[in-house]
Amino acid sequence: EMKTLKNKKSGIYGIFNLVNKKVYIGKSIDLDRRFANHKSLLKRSSCDKSCNRHLYNSVMRYGIDSFNFVISVWVPTILIGSPSLLKNVFPL
């Protein structure tokens, strides 16, 4: 497993709505795969359990071109997998 994680980039990301200035914040141990997954889910004609309903509705309303996918912070994979460690590093 360590071998497969070695080339993956983990971190915290944002999907910014350029029209209404709202942002969806997420985290992933594989940002490239997560962005591809988000884009794939948001291009579907309907939203199922695997997609974020609020984000999906916003994309349907404003169009995918009204959103920026941005990596906010690179975070070691060990922190992404542990919410309590992540909170200690990035308290809200």
Protein backbone atom coordinates (compact mmCIF):
# COMPACT_ATOMS: atom_id res chain seq x y z
CA GLU A 1 0.00 0.00 0.00
CA MET A 2 2.83 2.41 0.80
CA LYS A 3 4.13 1.95 -2.73
CA THR A 4 0.82 3.06 -4.26
CA LEU A 5 0.55 6.11 -1.98
CA LYS A 6 4.09 7.29 -2.73
CA ASN A 7 3.21 9.08 -5.98
CA LYS A 8 -0.17 10.37 -4.85
CA LYS A 9 -0.63 13.96 -3.72
CA SER A 10 -2.79 14.39 -0.63
CA GLY A 11 -4.25 17.58 0.72
CA ILE A 12 -7.14 19.92 1.29
CA TYR A 13 -8.87 21.40 -1.75
CA GLY A 14 -11.60 23.86 -2.59
CA ILE A 15 -14.14 24.04 -5.37
CA PHE A 16 -14.93 27.76 -5.72
CA ASN A 17 -18.10 29.10 -7.31
CA LEU A 18 -16.97 32.23 -9.15
CA VAL A 19 -20.53 33.60 -9.39
CA ASN A 20 -21.87 33.40 -5.83
CA LYS A 21 -18.46 33.13 -4.09
CA LYS A 22 -19.41 29.96 -2.17
CA VAL A 23 -16.83 27.22 -1.69
CA TYR A 24 -16.91 23.47 -1.15
CA ILE A 25 -13.95 22.27 0.95
CA GLY A 26 -12.76 18.68 0.79
CA LYS A 27 -9.76 16.48 1.55
CA SER A 28 -8.25 13.53 -0.25
CA ILE A 29 -5.26 11.22 -0.17
CA ASP A 30 -5.24 11.30 -4.00
CA LEU A 31 -6.14 14.79 -5.25
CA ASP A 32 -5.82 13.98 -8.96
CA ARG A 33 -8.27 11.10 -8.66
CA ARG A 34 -10.63 13.11 -6.44
CA PHE A 35 -10.77 16.05 -8.89
CA ALA A 36 -11.43 13.66 -11.78
CA ASN A 37 -14.16 11.97 -9.72
CA HIS A 38 -15.80 15.30 -8.84
CA LYS A 39 -15.79 16.43 -12.48
CA SER A 40 -17.23 13.10 -13.61
CA LEU A 41 -20.02 13.18 -11.00
CA LEU A 42 -20.86 16.80 -11.76
CA LYS A 43 -21.27 16.13 -15.50
CA ARG A 44 -23.94 13.47 -14.92
CA SER A 45 -27.57 14.14 -15.75
CA SER A 46 -28.63 13.29 -12.18
CA CYS A 47 -27.15 13.22 -8.69
CA ASP A 48 -27.10 9.93 -6.79
CA LYS A 49 -25.83 9.05 -3.29
CA SER A 50 -22.20 9.36 -4.39
CA CYS A 51 -22.37 13.06 -5.22
CA ASN A 52 -22.77 16.19 -3.09
CA ARG A 53 -26.30 17.43 -3.78
CA HIS A 54 -25.57 21.13 -2.98
CA LEU A 55 -22.48 21.19 -5.17
CA TYR A 56 -24.27 19.33 -7.97
CA ASN A 57 -27.24 21.73 -7.92
CA SER A 58 -24.90 24.70 -7.98
CA VAL A 59 -23.05 23.30 -11.01
CA MET A 60 -26.37 22.66 -12.76
CA ARG A 61 -27.44 26.24 -12.07
CA TYR A 62 -24.20 28.11 -12.93
CA GLY A 63 -22.37 25.65 -15.23
CA ILE A 64 -19.07 23.83 -14.63
CA ASP A 65 -17.10 26.75 -16.13
CA SER A 66 -18.20 28.91 -13.19
CA PHE A 67 -16.07 26.81 -10.80
CA ASN A 68 -12.38 26.65 -9.99
CA PHE A 69 -10.84 23.50 -8.53
CA VAL A 70 -7.96 24.60 -6.30
CA ILE A 71 -5.55 22.75 -4.03
CA SER A 72 -5.46 24.77 -0.83
CA VAL A 73 -2.84 22.90 1.22
CA TRP A 74 -0.64 19.88 0.59
CA VAL A 75 -1.01 17.65 3.64
CA PRO A 76 0.85 14.42 4.47
CA THR A 77 -1.36 11.38 3.86
CA ILE A 78 -1.20 10.37 7.53
CA LEU A 79 -3.03 13.58 8.51
CA ILE A 80 -5.73 13.20 5.86
CA GLY A 81 -6.62 9.75 7.21
CA SER A 82 -6.88 10.98 10.80
CA PRO A 83 -9.49 13.68 11.49
CA SER A 84 -8.20 14.24 15.04
CA LEU A 85 -4.63 14.82 13.83
CA LEU A 86 -5.90 17.08 11.06
CA LYS A 87 -7.90 19.19 13.56
CA ASN A 88 -4.78 19.62 15.72
CA VAL A 89 -2.81 20.93 12.73
CA PHE A 90 -5.65 23.02 11.21
CA PRO A 91 -8.00 24.04 14.04
CA LEU A 92 -11.24 25.75 12.98
